[in-house]
Protein backbone atom coordinates (compact mmCIF):
# COMPACT_ATOMS: atom_id res chain seq x y z
CA UNK A 1 23.59 -76.65 12.43
CA UNK A 2 26.49 -74.37 13.05
CA UNK A 3 26.18 -71.32 15.25
CA UNK A 4 27.12 -67.99 13.81
CA UNK A 5 29.95 -66.18 15.51
CA UNK A 6 29.62 -62.54 16.47
CA UNK A 7 32.01 -60.08 14.91
CA UNK A 8 33.80 -57.78 17.31
CA UNK A 9 35.03 -55.32 14.70
CA UNK A 10 34.20 -51.66 14.29
CA UNK A 11 33.17 -50.46 10.88
CA UNK A 12 35.49 -47.44 10.26
CA UNK A 13 34.31 -46.59 6.75
CA UNK A 14 31.83 -43.90 7.91
CA UNK A 15 34.56 -42.26 10.01
CA UNK A 16 36.90 -42.13 7.02
CA UNK A 17 34.13 -40.56 4.92
CA UNK A 18 33.55 -37.84 7.53
CA UNK A 19 37.28 -37.18 7.79
CA UNK A 20 37.65 -36.78 4.03
CA UNK A 21 34.68 -34.38 3.87
CA UNK A 22 36.24 -32.25 6.64
CA UNK A 23 39.57 -32.28 4.81
CA UNK A 24 37.95 -31.00 1.62
CA UNK A 25 36.11 -28.27 3.57
CA UNK A 26 39.34 -27.04 5.17
CA UNK A 27 41.23 -27.18 1.87
CA UNK A 28 38.60 -25.02 0.20
CA UNK A 29 38.11 -22.60 3.12
CA UNK A 30 41.79 -21.92 3.91
CA UNK A 31 42.65 -19.84 0.80
CA UNK A 32 39.57 -17.69 1.40
CA UNK A 33 40.71 -16.59 4.86
CA UNK A 34 42.05 -13.06 5.10
CA UNK A 35 45.18 -12.49 7.12
CA UNK A 36 45.64 -9.36 9.14
CA UNK A 37 48.86 -7.53 9.87
CA UNK A 38 49.87 -5.96 13.14
CA UNK A 39 52.26 -3.02 13.21
CA UNK A 40 54.70 -3.66 16.05
CA UNK A 41 56.89 -0.78 17.22
CA UNK A 42 60.58 -1.29 16.63
CA UNK A 43 63.08 -1.10 19.44
CA UNK A 44 66.39 -1.19 17.62
CA UNK A 45 65.73 1.88 15.46
CA UNK A 46 64.50 4.19 18.21
CA UNK A 47 65.65 7.80 18.28
CA UNK A 48 69.06 7.64 19.90
CA UNK A 49 69.37 11.43 20.12
CA UNK A 50 66.21 11.85 22.19
CA UNK A 51 67.17 9.26 24.78
CA UNK A 52 68.71 10.40 28.01
CA UNK A 53 72.00 8.88 29.06
CA UNK A 54 71.55 6.58 32.06
CA UNK A 55 73.17 6.58 35.44
CA UNK A 56 74.88 3.19 35.59
CA UNK A 57 75.45 1.26 38.81
CA UNK A 58 77.73 -1.79 38.56
CA UNK A 59 77.83 -4.32 41.38
CA UNK A 60 81.06 -6.30 41.51
CA UNK A 61 81.50 -9.86 42.83
CA UNK A 62 82.67 -8.54 46.22
CA UNK A 63 79.44 -6.43 46.42
CA UNK A 64 81.29 -3.15 45.88
CA UNK A 65 79.48 -0.52 43.81
CA UNK A 66 80.74 1.52 40.85
CA UNK A 67 78.70 4.55 39.77
CA UNK A 68 79.04 5.83 36.20
CA UNK A 69 77.15 8.95 35.19
CA UNK A 70 76.94 8.86 31.39
CA UNK A 71 75.41 12.34 31.26
CA UNK A 72 78.38 13.89 33.05
CA UNK A 73 81.08 11.95 31.22
CA UNK A 74 82.11 8.34 31.70
CA UNK A 75 83.90 8.79 35.01
CA UNK A 76 83.52 5.78 37.31
CA UNK A 77 83.29 6.42 41.05
CA UNK A 78 83.62 3.66 43.62
CA UNK A 79 80.97 4.14 46.33
CA UNK A 80 79.44 2.19 49.19
CA UNK A 81 75.76 1.49 49.89
CA UNK A 82 75.37 4.55 52.15
CA UNK A 83 76.69 6.93 49.50
CA UNK A 84 74.52 5.39 46.80
CA UNK A 85 71.35 7.16 47.90
CA UNK A 86 73.11 10.54 48.19
CA UNK A 87 74.75 10.28 44.77
CA UNK A 88 71.56 9.16 43.05
CA UNK A 89 69.53 11.95 44.68
CA UNK A 90 72.13 14.49 43.55
CA UNK A 91 71.94 13.18 40.00
CA UNK A 92 68.14 13.18 40.05
CA UNK A 93 68.14 16.78 41.30
CA UNK A 94 69.72 17.75 37.96
CA UNK A 95 67.36 15.58 35.90
CA UNK A 96 64.42 13.82 37.60
CA UNK A 97 63.66 11.74 34.47
CA UNK A 98 67.18 10.29 34.16
CA UNK A 99 67.07 6.49 33.91
CA UNK A 100 69.18 4.31 36.17
CA UNK A 101 70.51 0.94 35.07
CA UNK A 102 71.96 -1.73 37.35
CA UNK A 103 74.43 -4.38 36.24
CA UNK A 104 75.65 -7.20 38.44
CA UNK A 105 78.52 -9.62 38.26
CA UNK A 106 77.50 -13.15 37.24
CA UNK A 107 78.94 -14.59 40.48
CA UNK A 108 76.80 -12.25 42.57
CA UNK A 109 73.64 -13.37 44.35
CA UNK A 110 70.50 -12.05 42.72
CA UNK A 111 69.25 -10.88 46.13
CA UNK A 112 71.99 -8.24 46.23
CA UNK A 113 70.93 -6.81 42.87
CA UNK A 114 67.29 -6.69 43.99
CA UNK A 115 68.29 -4.97 47.24
CA UNK A 116 70.06 -2.23 45.24
CA UNK A 117 67.04 -1.86 42.93
CA UNK A 118 64.76 -1.58 46.00
CA UNK A 119 66.99 1.16 47.44
CA UNK A 120 66.81 3.04 44.15
CA UNK A 121 63.02 2.72 44.02
CA UNK A 122 62.72 4.03 47.60
CA UNK A 123 64.93 6.97 46.61
CA UNK A 124 62.37 8.02 44.02
CA UNK A 125 63.93 6.82 40.80
CA UNK A 126 61.17 6.46 38.19
CA UNK A 127 63.06 4.43 35.59
CA UNK A 128 65.17 1.53 36.85
CA UNK A 129 66.45 -1.13 34.49
CA UNK A 130 68.77 -4.11 34.49
CA UNK A 131 71.71 -4.49 32.10
CA UNK A 132 71.87 -7.83 30.31
CA UNK A 133 74.98 -9.02 28.54
CA UNK A 134 74.46 -11.43 25.70
CA UNK A 135 77.05 -13.81 24.38
CA UNK A 136 77.70 -13.14 20.72
CA UNK A 137 77.78 -16.25 18.60
């Protein structure tokens, strides 16, 4: 008499049945779901007339500073780090809510830009931003 061999196979038919039932449930339930909308504020179409013109500080590759006051015309003034605090305080005396933007040369160390931003924050500037140049493709 021959011995029967044991089968080492898994019966996957019940798993396929469960998967097909779940698929049908999701296919029926998906069209019934309601989608919600979120109103996101737009940035590009903001009121340009209400915005104040910023005080712009440009840091060159040799760590020299150029100050451009957009509210008082577009005259660029070359200053050093010691004069920076005086000039910014004078500008903030006219308008304490005037924003200040900092732009740095791409060859410049990031630490230098952060040091200038820290000096501006210690001066009492409420709005400090960084200028980003994008490459147009």
